[in-house]
Amino acid sequence: MGVIEWIIKIINRIWSFISFLYKYRTVYKVCGLFATRKFSAAKSNHKYAVLVAARNEEAVIENLIDSIKNQDYPREFVDVFVVADNCTDNTANLSRNAGAVCYERFDKEHRTKGYALQFLVEKIREDYGIESFEGYFIFDADNLLKKDYISRMNDAFDAGEKIITSYRNTKNFDDNWISASYAIHWLRTIRNEHRARSLFHLATRIQGTGFLFSNELIKDGWNYTSLTEDRAFCADAVAMGYRISYNNAAEFYDEQPTDIKIAMRQRIRWSKGHLQALAETGPKLFCHIFYTNGAANQHSENLTLFKKFINNIRLRFMSFDMLTVVLPKSLLSVIRKFIVYTLRIVLIIGAGRVFGVGYAPEFLRNILKFFGITPQFNNDFLAVLWLVLFALGWTISSYFNGVLTAAYIFIVENRRIIKIKWYKKLWFALTFPLFDIIGKISLVAAIFAKVEWKAIPHTNSTSIEEMESRHKNQSP
C-alpha cells in the first residue's frame, strides 16, 4: 500500500504547484475591485467596420443595426457588414433594409461562427480592401450598443491599443437563474480579470463578442474557425506579441440562454473549443515564457533599449498568463479528485486507513465520542465515512464561495445592471454555483463528445431605447 500512498502524494504535490501558479490572480481580484484603466478622449476619429455573423436572427438583427446607426460617433466612419450564414429566414433582407451590407453564405459542412467570419472578411477584402478600415468590431446579432459605445472604444483605439474588449451587460438578466448565471459569469470575468489586466497594460481575453481589433491582425485573413474562435484569436494574438486591453466605459448588452439544454450544449462546445485552443496555441505560449524571438517589439518602432526590455518581460508574463487561461484547470481538478479519491478507496479497502495509518478513523471516532456517541463501526467503515465527509465539506465550501461571488457582483455592479427585486437576487446568488458545476461537467463531456457548432436561438427583441429606459426606471 506504500506505492498507492506515494502516488497520492505525488499527484497532490503536482496539484499544489499548479494551484500556486494561479495565486498571482489574487492581485487581479483586489485591484479589480478598486480600479481599471481609463482612456482620454480621442484626438481623431478612426474608420471602422462592424462584423456580424448571423444565422436566422430576424428577431434581433434590426435592433442591433439600429443601435449602431444611432451612435454619437460620426456615421460616415462606421460601416456595418452582416454575413447571413445558412439562413432560412428573412435575416438578409432585414439587414439590408436596416442599412447594412449583407453577404449570404451557404455552406453546411463548415458551420462555425469562425468560418462565417472568414467568409465575411474575404468579401470585404475583395470589395473594399482590408486597409479601407482601420479597425474591426465583432458583435453577435442579439447585441445592443449604448449610444456612446463606439466613441468610448475609439478613445482606446486612438490611444494606440490594437485589441480592446468592453463591458458586457445582459438584457435578459432576470429571465431565470440560467440567464442570470451567465450574466454574473461575464461580470465576474470583468471584475476578476479584465479590469486589472488592463490597468497593468497586460493582455486580458476577449469573449466572443463586443471587441475591436486593428486591421493588421487580419491582413492575412480571419484564420480562426474552431468551436471557440475567440479563445484561439486572443491566445494567438498574445503569442504574436499583442496585448488585449479592456475599456470599462464602453458598454453593450447581449441576450443569454434561458434553457438548460441549450446552456449545456453551449458549455460543451465552449469546453471542446478551449481544449482545441490549448492544443493549437498552448505550446507557442509556453515557449514564449522562455524565448520570445523578438515578438515583444515587432509591432512597435523607435523604442529605447529600456522600453524593449520592459516589453520583453511583459510578453513573457502575458504568455504565462494566457497559458493559465487556455489551460483547463477545472478539468485537471476533476481528474485529480477522481484519481485520488479512487486510490484512497482502494487504500481503505486494502488497509483500512486513509490520510496516514489509522489517523482518519481514530480522529473521527474521537469526534463522535465528544458528542456522546460510541461508534460500533470498524476502521474501514469510519475511513470511508471520513472520506465522504471530507468531500462533502469541500463541496459545501465551493458552493458558498459561488454564492458569495454572486453577492459580490450584485453589490459592486449594482449601478450598471438592470434593477432586480431583492428576492430574485437572493435566488440567483443561491443558484449561481450550479453554473460552475455545469461548466465542470461540460469539460469532462467535451473530452468524449463529438461537438458540432449550433446557433443559439435569440428571441428577445428589446431595443436599446427600451433597455436603457428599463435600466433607469424599473424600481427595485
Protein backbone atom coordinates (compact mmCIF):
# COMPACT_ATOMS: atom_id res chain seq x y z
CA MET A 1 0.00 0.00 0.00
CA GLY A 2 3.04 2.27 0.24
CA VAL A 3 3.04 2.69 -3.54
CA ILE A 4 -0.55 4.00 -3.52
CA GLU A 5 0.25 6.49 -0.77
CA TRP A 6 3.30 7.62 -2.74
CA ILE A 7 1.21 8.16 -5.92
CA ILE A 8 -1.38 10.18 -3.97
CA LYS A 9 1.33 12.39 -2.50
CA ILE A 10 2.94 12.99 -5.90
CA ILE A 11 -0.42 13.91 -7.51
CA ASN A 12 -1.30 16.26 -4.66
CA ARG A 13 2.10 17.96 -4.78
CA ILE A 14 1.80 18.49 -8.53
CA TRP A 15 -1.66 19.96 -7.99
CA SER A 16 -0.36 22.19 -5.20
CA PHE A 17 2.28 23.50 -7.61
CA ILE A 18 -0.33 24.18 -10.32
CA SER A 19 -2.57 25.94 -7.79
CA PHE A 20 0.39 28.01 -6.64
CA LEU A 21 0.93 29.22 -10.22
CA TYR A 22 -2.55 30.74 -10.14
CA LYS A 23 -2.09 32.57 -6.83
CA TYR A 24 -0.98 35.78 -8.53
CA ARG A 25 -4.55 36.23 -9.77
CA THR A 26 -5.48 37.34 -6.27
CA VAL A 27 -3.81 40.62 -7.20
CA TYR A 28 -6.20 40.92 -10.16
CA LYS A 29 -9.22 40.42 -7.92
CA VAL A 30 -8.11 43.01 -5.38
CA CYS A 31 -7.13 45.61 -7.96
CA GLY A 32 -10.26 44.91 -10.00
CA LEU A 33 -12.37 45.91 -7.03
CA PHE A 34 -10.90 49.40 -6.91
CA ALA A 35 -9.54 50.44 -10.30
CA THR A 36 -9.17 49.86 -14.01
CA ARG A 37 -7.54 51.71 -16.88
CA LYS A 38 -9.22 54.86 -18.17
CA PHE A 39 -8.70 56.39 -21.59
CA SER A 40 -8.53 60.06 -22.50
CA ALA A 41 -10.83 61.47 -25.17
CA ALA A 42 -9.64 60.60 -28.66
CA LYS A 43 -7.99 63.27 -30.79
CA SER A 44 -9.01 61.60 -34.05
CA ASN A 45 -11.97 59.66 -35.42
CA HIS A 46 -10.97 56.36 -36.95
CA LYS A 47 -12.82 54.42 -39.61
CA TYR A 48 -14.35 51.12 -38.53
CA ALA A 49 -16.14 48.13 -39.96
CA VAL A 50 -18.63 46.23 -37.81
CA LEU A 51 -18.76 42.48 -38.49
CA VAL A 52 -21.84 40.43 -37.58
CA ALA A 53 -22.24 36.71 -38.20
CA ALA A 54 -25.97 35.94 -38.15
CA ARG A 55 -27.91 32.72 -38.58
CA ASN A 56 -31.71 33.06 -38.56
CA GLU A 57 -31.61 36.24 -36.47
CA GLU A 58 -34.60 38.08 -37.91
CA ALA A 59 -35.98 38.72 -34.40
CA VAL A 60 -32.98 40.78 -33.27
CA ILE A 61 -30.76 41.88 -36.18
CA GLU A 62 -32.57 45.17 -36.88
CA ASN A 63 -32.27 46.34 -33.29
CA LEU A 64 -28.52 45.74 -33.34
CA ILE A 65 -28.04 47.67 -36.58
CA ASP A 66 -30.26 50.50 -35.32
CA SER A 67 -28.16 50.78 -32.16
CA ILE A 68 -25.06 51.04 -34.34
CA LYS A 69 -26.57 53.60 -36.71
CA ASN A 70 -27.72 55.75 -33.78
CA GLN A 71 -24.29 56.05 -32.19
CA ASP A 72 -22.99 59.50 -31.29
CA TYR A 73 -19.94 58.67 -33.41
CA PRO A 74 -19.84 60.17 -36.94
CA ARG A 75 -21.86 57.81 -39.12
CA GLU A 76 -19.56 58.17 -42.14
CA PHE A 77 -16.80 56.47 -40.12
CA VAL A 78 -18.75 53.26 -39.46
CA ASP A 79 -19.90 50.61 -41.95
CA VAL A 80 -21.89 47.55 -40.90
CA PHE A 81 -21.32 44.18 -42.59
CA VAL A 82 -23.53 41.15 -41.95
CA VAL A 83 -22.98 37.60 -43.14
CA ALA A 84 -26.33 35.80 -43.29
CA ASP A 85 -24.89 32.37 -42.62
CA ASN A 86 -27.01 29.44 -43.83
CA CYS A 87 -30.16 31.43 -43.06
CA THR A 88 -33.64 30.13 -43.82
CA ASP A 89 -35.46 33.25 -42.63
CA ASN A 90 -35.53 36.93 -43.56
CA THR A 91 -32.26 37.94 -41.85
CA ALA A 92 -30.54 39.06 -45.07
CA ASN A 93 -33.33 41.35 -46.29
CA LEU A 94 -33.90 42.87 -42.86
CA SER A 95 -30.18 43.58 -42.55
CA ARG A 96 -30.06 45.35 -45.89
CA ASN A 97 -33.20 47.33 -45.17
CA ALA A 98 -31.70 48.46 -41.86
CA GLY A 99 -28.66 49.84 -43.66
CA ALA A 100 -26.07 47.06 -43.51
CA VAL A 101 -24.08 45.48 -46.31
CA CYS A 102 -25.16 41.84 -46.25
CA TYR A 103 -23.49 38.83 -47.84
CA GLU A 104 -25.22 35.46 -47.88
CA ARG A 105 -23.30 32.28 -47.26
CA PHE A 106 -24.44 28.69 -47.75
CA ASP A 107 -22.04 26.01 -46.57
CA LYS A 108 -23.48 23.32 -44.34
CA GLU A 109 -20.16 21.50 -43.91
CA HIS A 110 -18.32 24.45 -42.34
CA ARG A 111 -20.81 25.85 -39.89
CA THR A 112 -18.89 27.52 -37.10
CA LYS A 113 -19.03 31.26 -36.49
CA GLY A 114 -15.34 31.35 -37.35
CA TYR A 115 -15.99 30.13 -40.90
CA ALA A 116 -18.74 32.75 -41.30
CA LEU A 117 -16.32 35.50 -40.21
CA GLN A 118 -13.65 34.13 -42.51
CA PHE A 119 -16.08 34.36 -45.43
CA LEU A 120 -17.11 37.90 -44.47
CA VAL A 121 -13.54 39.15 -44.13
CA GLU A 122 -12.68 37.77 -47.58
CA LYS A 123 -15.71 39.52 -49.09
CA ILE A 124 -14.60 42.80 -47.54
CA ARG A 125 -11.08 42.23 -48.88
CA GLU A 126 -12.46 41.68 -52.40
CA ASP A 127 -14.92 44.58 -52.44
CA TYR A 128 -13.27 47.20 -50.21
CA GLY A 129 -9.80 46.12 -49.15
CA ILE A 130 -8.84 45.24 -45.57
CA GLU A 131 -6.97 48.52 -45.08
CA SER A 132 -10.06 50.57 -46.01
CA PHE A 133 -10.96 50.24 -42.33
CA GLU A 134 -8.54 50.95 -39.51
CA GLY A 135 -10.32 48.71 -37.05
CA TYR A 136 -12.91 45.94 -36.97
CA PHE A 137 -15.63 45.35 -34.39
CA ILE A 138 -17.22 41.94 -33.89
CA PHE A 139 -20.73 41.62 -32.48
CA ASP A 140 -23.38 38.92 -32.24
CA ALA A 141 -26.77 39.65 -33.78
CA ASP A 142 -28.51 39.84 -30.39
CA ASN A 143 -26.23 42.62 -29.09
CA LEU A 144 -27.26 46.21 -28.39
CA LEU A 145 -24.79 49.10 -28.15
CA LYS A 146 -25.13 52.03 -25.80
CA LYS A 147 -25.19 55.33 -27.66
CA ASP A 148 -21.57 56.25 -26.87
CA TYR A 149 -20.11 52.75 -27.29
CA ILE A 150 -18.05 53.35 -30.45
CA SER A 151 -16.87 56.76 -29.18
CA ARG A 152 -15.53 55.18 -26.00
CA MET A 153 -13.87 52.33 -27.90
CA ASN A 154 -12.36 54.90 -30.25
CA ASP A 155 -10.74 56.52 -27.20
CA ALA A 156 -8.83 53.30 -26.50
CA PHE A 157 -8.02 52.68 -30.16
CA ASP A 158 -6.73 56.24 -30.56
CA ALA A 159 -4.50 55.67 -27.52
CA GLY A 160 -2.68 53.00 -29.53
CA GLU A 161 -4.40 49.83 -28.33
CA LYS A 162 -4.64 47.18 -31.04
CA ILE A 163 -7.21 44.88 -29.40
CA ILE A 164 -9.88 46.12 -26.98
CA THR A 165 -12.77 44.37 -25.29
CA SER A 166 -15.62 46.05 -23.45
CA TYR A 167 -18.21 45.92 -20.68
CA ARG A 168 -20.69 43.10 -21.32
CA ASN A 169 -24.10 43.70 -19.80
CA THR A 170 -27.18 41.49 -20.15
CA LYS A 171 -30.59 42.48 -21.47
CA ASN A 172 -32.46 39.46 -20.06
CA PHE A 173 -30.61 39.25 -16.73
CA ASP A 174 -33.70 38.40 -14.69
CA ASP A 175 -35.45 35.95 -17.05
CA ASN A 176 -34.44 32.97 -14.90
CA TRP A 177 -31.50 31.57 -12.96
CA ILE A 178 -29.77 30.38 -16.14
CA SER A 179 -29.66 33.79 -17.84
CA ALA A 180 -28.71 35.36 -14.51
CA SER A 181 -25.83 32.89 -14.07
CA TYR A 182 -24.45 33.77 -17.48
CA ALA A 183 -24.72 37.48 -16.67
CA ILE A 184 -22.91 37.04 -13.34
CA HIS A 185 -20.26 34.95 -15.09
CA TRP A 186 -19.43 37.74 -17.58
CA LEU A 187 -19.32 40.35 -14.82
CA ARG A 188 -17.13 38.09 -12.68
CA THR A 189 -14.60 37.93 -15.51
CA ILE A 190 -14.66 41.71 -15.81
CA ARG A 191 -14.02 42.18 -12.10
CA ASN A 192 -11.55 39.34 -11.60
CA GLU A 193 -9.58 39.64 -14.84
CA HIS A 194 -10.30 42.43 -17.33
CA ARG A 195 -10.06 45.45 -15.06
CA ALA A 196 -6.67 44.65 -13.51
CA ARG A 197 -5.04 43.30 -16.66
CA SER A 198 -5.97 46.49 -18.50
CA LEU A 199 -4.71 48.60 -15.59
CA PHE A 200 -1.32 46.86 -15.75
CA HIS A 201 -1.18 47.06 -19.59
CA LEU A 202 -1.31 43.27 -19.91
CA ALA A 203 -3.46 41.03 -22.10
CA THR A 204 -6.92 40.05 -20.98
CA ARG A 205 -9.19 37.79 -23.03
CA ILE A 206 -11.95 38.52 -25.47
CA GLN A 207 -15.16 36.54 -25.04
CA GLY A 208 -16.98 36.00 -28.30
CA THR A 209 -18.43 39.43 -28.91
CA GLY A 210 -18.06 43.12 -28.12
CA PHE A 211 -14.44 43.69 -29.11
CA LEU A 212 -12.35 45.76 -31.54
CA PHE A 213 -9.06 44.98 -33.24
CA SER A 214 -6.71 46.68 -35.68
CA ASN A 215 -6.76 45.76 -39.37
CA GLU A 216 -3.19 44.44 -39.12
CA LEU A 217 -4.44 41.39 -37.25
CA ILE A 218 -6.40 40.18 -40.27
CA LYS A 219 -4.05 41.28 -43.03
CA ASP A 220 -3.78 37.58 -43.93
CA GLY A 221 -7.48 36.93 -43.35
CA TRP A 222 -9.50 35.57 -40.44
CA ASN A 223 -7.88 32.26 -39.58
CA TYR A 224 -9.84 31.21 -36.50
CA THR A 225 -12.51 28.66 -37.36
CA SER A 226 -12.57 26.37 -34.32
CA LEU A 227 -15.54 25.93 -31.99
CA THR A 228 -14.34 28.88 -29.88
CA GLU A 229 -12.75 31.25 -32.36
CA ASP A 230 -12.47 33.96 -29.70
CA ARG A 231 -10.21 31.89 -27.43
CA ALA A 232 -7.98 30.92 -30.36
CA PHE A 233 -7.83 34.54 -31.57
CA CYS A 234 -6.71 36.05 -28.28
CA ALA A 235 -4.25 33.25 -27.47
CA ASP A 236 -2.68 33.61 -30.92
CA ALA A 237 -2.61 37.41 -30.59
CA VAL A 238 -0.67 37.19 -27.33
CA ALA A 239 1.68 34.64 -28.89
CA MET A 240 2.35 37.23 -31.63
CA GLY A 241 3.18 39.90 -29.06
CA TYR A 242 -0.11 41.81 -28.85
CA ARG A 243 -1.71 42.85 -25.59
CA ILE A 244 -5.50 42.93 -25.18
CA SER A 245 -6.96 45.86 -23.28
CA TYR A 246 -10.33 46.45 -21.66
CA ASN A 247 -12.40 49.64 -21.75
CA ASN A 248 -14.81 49.82 -18.82
CA ALA A 249 -16.59 52.88 -20.28
CA ALA A 250 -17.76 51.09 -23.45
CA GLU A 251 -20.92 49.11 -22.67
CA PHE A 252 -23.14 46.80 -24.68
CA TYR A 253 -25.94 44.33 -23.92
CA ASP A 254 -26.49 40.80 -25.11
CA GLU A 255 -29.04 38.02 -24.65
CA GLN A 256 -28.31 34.93 -22.56
CA PRO A 257 -29.76 31.41 -22.89
CA THR A 258 -32.66 30.52 -20.63
CA ASP A 259 -32.99 26.80 -21.42
CA ILE A 260 -30.83 24.28 -19.56
CA LYS A 261 -30.41 22.04 -22.63
CA ILE A 262 -29.19 24.93 -24.76
CA ALA A 263 -26.90 26.11 -21.96
CA MET A 264 -25.39 22.66 -21.57
CA ARG A 265 -24.90 22.33 -25.31
CA GLN A 266 -23.17 25.70 -25.43
CA ARG A 267 -20.93 24.93 -22.45
CA ILE A 268 -19.81 21.64 -24.00
CA ARG A 269 -18.98 23.49 -27.24
CA TRP A 270 -17.01 26.07 -25.27
CA SER A 271 -15.13 23.33 -23.45
CA LYS A 272 -14.29 21.47 -26.65
CA GLY A 273 -13.10 24.71 -28.22
CA HIS A 274 -10.97 25.52 -25.17
CA LEU A 275 -9.25 22.16 -25.49
CA GLN A 276 -8.64 22.86 -29.18
CA ALA A 277 -7.18 26.30 -28.35
CA LEU A 278 -4.85 24.70 -25.81
CA ALA A 279 -3.59 22.22 -28.40
CA GLU A 280 -3.20 24.89 -31.11
CA THR A 281 -1.65 27.75 -29.14
CA GLY A 282 -0.55 26.34 -25.78
CA PRO A 283 2.91 25.20 -26.97
CA LYS A 284 3.66 28.61 -28.53
CA LEU A 285 2.59 30.43 -25.36
CA PHE A 286 4.72 28.11 -23.24
CA CYS A 287 7.76 28.71 -25.44
CA HIS A 288 7.32 32.49 -25.22
CA ILE A 289 7.67 32.33 -21.46
CA PHE A 290 11.34 31.46 -22.06
CA TYR A 291 12.07 32.66 -25.60
CA THR A 292 10.21 35.46 -27.40
CA ASN A 293 12.15 35.57 -30.69
CA GLY A 294 11.59 39.33 -30.98
CA ALA A 295 7.78 39.10 -30.82
CA ALA A 296 7.59 41.60 -27.93
CA ASN A 297 8.66 44.58 -30.07
CA GLN A 298 7.75 43.61 -33.62
CA HIS A 299 4.63 45.84 -33.53
CA SER A 300 6.47 48.94 -32.25
CA GLU A 301 9.10 51.25 -33.69
CA ASN A 302 11.77 53.64 -32.36
CA LEU A 303 11.80 52.17 -28.86
CA THR A 304 14.56 52.73 -26.32
CA LEU A 305 16.55 49.77 -25.08
CA PHE A 306 14.81 50.02 -21.71
CA LYS A 307 11.35 50.02 -23.32
CA LYS A 308 12.27 46.96 -25.37
CA PHE A 309 13.41 45.22 -22.21
CA ILE A 310 10.13 46.03 -20.43
CA ASN A 311 8.10 44.83 -23.42
CA ASN A 312 10.04 41.59 -23.44
CA ILE A 313 9.33 40.96 -19.76
CA ARG A 314 5.68 41.90 -20.30
CA LEU A 315 5.28 39.44 -23.19
CA ARG A 316 6.81 36.62 -21.18
CA PHE A 317 4.37 37.23 -18.37
CA MET A 318 1.42 37.71 -20.76
CA SER A 319 2.28 34.38 -22.38
CA PHE A 320 2.30 32.69 -18.99
CA ASP A 321 -0.91 34.50 -18.01
CA MET A 322 -2.72 33.49 -21.21
CA LEU A 323 -1.47 29.93 -20.81
CA THR A 324 -3.26 29.81 -17.45
CA VAL A 325 -6.40 30.92 -19.31
CA VAL A 326 -6.28 28.23 -22.01
CA LEU A 327 -5.17 25.54 -19.56
CA PRO A 328 -8.36 23.77 -18.38
CA LYS A 329 -7.62 23.95 -14.64
CA SER A 330 -11.17 22.86 -13.76
CA LEU A 331 -10.77 19.70 -15.84
CA LEU A 332 -7.44 18.93 -14.20
CA SER A 333 -9.10 19.40 -10.81
CA VAL A 334 -11.86 16.94 -11.67
CA ILE A 335 -9.34 14.38 -12.96
CA ARG A 336 -7.18 14.78 -9.86
CA LYS A 337 -10.10 14.30 -7.49
CA PHE A 338 -11.30 11.23 -9.36
CA ILE A 339 -7.87 9.57 -9.31
CA VAL A 340 -7.03 10.50 -5.72
CA TYR A 341 -10.42 9.51 -4.30
CA THR A 342 -10.34 6.22 -6.21
CA LEU A 343 -6.88 5.44 -4.87
CA ARG A 344 -7.94 6.33 -1.34
CA ILE A 345 -10.91 3.99 -1.56
CA VAL A 346 -8.54 1.25 -2.76
CA LEU A 347 -6.29 2.12 0.14
CA ILE A 348 -9.21 1.90 2.57
CA ILE A 349 -10.37 -1.44 1.25
CA GLY A 350 -6.84 -2.81 1.24
CA ALA A 351 -5.58 -1.48 4.55
CA GLY A 352 -8.49 0.11 6.40
CA ARG A 353 -6.92 3.53 6.57
CA VAL A 354 -6.57 6.89 4.81
CA PHE A 355 -4.51 10.04 5.39
CA GLY A 356 -1.89 8.04 7.30
CA VAL A 357 -2.02 4.94 9.46
CA GLY A 358 -5.25 4.92 11.43
CA TYR A 359 -5.43 8.75 11.55
CA ALA A 360 -8.82 9.38 9.97
CA PRO A 361 -10.75 6.60 11.75
CA GLU A 362 -9.28 7.48 15.14
CA PHE A 363 -9.87 11.21 14.62
CA LEU A 364 -13.47 10.63 13.57
CA ARG A 365 -14.02 8.20 16.45
CA ASN A 366 -12.86 10.86 18.92
CA ILE A 367 -15.22 13.43 17.41
CA LEU A 368 -18.17 11.05 17.77
CA LYS A 369 -17.20 10.32 21.36
CA PHE A 370 -17.07 14.06 22.08
CA PHE A 371 -20.77 14.23 21.19
CA GLY A 372 -21.51 11.20 23.37
CA ILE A 373 -21.65 8.70 20.53
CA THR A 374 -19.79 5.43 20.93
CA PRO A 375 -19.21 4.09 17.41
CA GLN A 376 -19.50 0.38 16.89
CA PHE A 377 -18.03 0.50 13.40
CA ASN A 378 -14.66 -0.85 12.33
CA ASN A 379 -11.91 1.36 10.96
CA ASP A 380 -12.73 0.54 7.31
CA PHE A 381 -16.22 1.98 7.64
CA LEU A 382 -15.01 5.02 9.57
CA ALA A 383 -12.31 5.71 6.98
CA VAL A 384 -14.86 5.67 4.15
CA LEU A 385 -17.18 7.89 6.20
CA TRP A 386 -14.28 10.30 6.80
CA LEU A 387 -13.58 10.46 3.07
CA VAL A 388 -17.25 11.13 2.28
CA LEU A 389 -17.45 13.88 4.90
CA PHE A 390 -14.24 15.43 3.57
CA ALA A 391 -15.63 15.51 0.02
CA LEU A 392 -18.95 16.86 1.27
CA GLY A 393 -17.21 19.62 3.21
CA TRP A 394 -15.21 20.64 0.12
CA THR A 395 -18.40 20.71 -1.96
CA ILE A 396 -20.23 22.88 0.58
CA SER A 397 -17.25 25.24 0.78
CA SER A 398 -17.15 25.58 -3.03
CA TYR A 399 -20.90 26.17 -3.12
CA PHE A 400 -20.81 29.03 -0.64
CA ASN A 401 -17.82 30.54 -2.42
CA GLY A 402 -20.00 30.70 -5.55
CA VAL A 403 -22.86 32.28 -3.60
CA LEU A 404 -20.53 34.91 -2.16
CA THR A 405 -19.14 35.62 -5.64
CA ALA A 406 -22.65 36.31 -6.97
CA ALA A 407 -23.43 38.53 -3.97
CA TYR A 408 -20.20 40.44 -4.56
CA ILE A 409 -21.14 41.04 -8.21
CA PHE A 410 -24.60 42.31 -7.27
CA ILE A 411 -23.04 44.79 -4.84
CA VAL A 412 -20.20 46.18 -6.95
CA GLU A 413 -22.15 46.25 -10.24
CA ASN A 414 -25.42 47.47 -8.78
CA ARG A 415 -25.43 50.72 -10.77
CA ARG A 416 -24.91 49.09 -14.16
CA ILE A 417 -27.11 46.01 -14.15
CA ILE A 418 -30.86 46.33 -14.55
CA LYS A 419 -32.89 46.70 -11.39
CA ILE A 420 -33.82 43.34 -9.90
CA LYS A 421 -36.03 42.51 -6.91
CA TRP A 422 -34.02 41.58 -3.81
CA TYR A 423 -35.56 38.11 -3.53
CA LYS A 424 -34.62 37.39 -7.14
CA LYS A 425 -31.06 38.44 -6.41
CA LEU A 426 -31.04 36.04 -3.47
CA TRP A 427 -32.33 33.21 -5.66
CA PHE A 428 -29.81 33.97 -8.41
CA ALA A 429 -26.98 34.00 -5.88
CA LEU A 430 -28.06 30.65 -4.43
CA THR A 431 -28.26 29.05 -7.88
CA PHE A 432 -25.12 30.58 -9.43
CA PRO A 433 -22.81 27.77 -8.18
CA LEU A 434 -24.76 25.41 -10.46
CA PHE A 435 -23.33 27.33 -13.42
CA ASP A 436 -19.79 26.36 -12.43
CA ILE A 437 -20.86 22.76 -11.80
CA ILE A 438 -22.31 22.64 -15.32
CA GLY A 439 -19.01 24.01 -16.57
CA LYS A 440 -17.04 21.19 -14.93
CA ILE A 441 -19.42 18.56 -16.24
CA SER A 442 -19.15 20.02 -19.73
CA LEU A 443 -15.35 19.87 -19.61
CA VAL A 444 -15.44 16.15 -18.91
CA ALA A 445 -18.14 15.58 -21.54
CA ALA A 446 -16.15 17.55 -24.13
CA ILE A 447 -13.33 15.01 -23.97
CA PHE A 448 -15.58 12.26 -25.28
CA ALA A 449 -18.32 14.12 -27.15
CA LYS A 450 -18.37 14.85 -30.87
CA VAL A 451 -19.32 18.51 -30.88
CA GLU A 452 -20.89 20.46 -33.72
CA TRP A 453 -21.47 24.21 -33.76
CA LYS A 454 -25.15 25.10 -33.47
CA ALA A 455 -26.66 28.56 -33.33
CA ILE A 456 -28.13 29.76 -30.03
CA PRO A 457 -31.71 30.99 -30.66
CA HIS A 458 -32.35 34.66 -29.86
CA THR A 459 -35.90 35.89 -29.40
CA ASN A 460 -35.57 38.95 -27.15
CA SER A 461 -36.47 41.86 -29.44
CA THR A 462 -35.85 44.60 -26.86
CA SER A 463 -34.40 47.77 -28.39
CA ILE A 464 -31.57 49.79 -26.89
CA GLU A 465 -34.04 52.56 -26.03
CA GLU A 466 -36.24 50.12 -24.13
CA MET A 467 -33.19 48.65 -22.43
CA GLU A 468 -31.90 51.97 -21.18
CA SER A 469 -35.37 53.07 -20.14
CA ARG A 470 -35.79 49.91 -18.08
CA HIS A 471 -32.39 50.41 -16.52
CA LYS A 472 -33.33 53.90 -15.35
CA ASN A 473 -36.95 53.49 -14.38
CA GLN A 474 -37.55 49.97 -13.06
CA SER A 475 -37.98 50.08 -9.29
CA PRO A 476 -36.10 47.53 -7.19
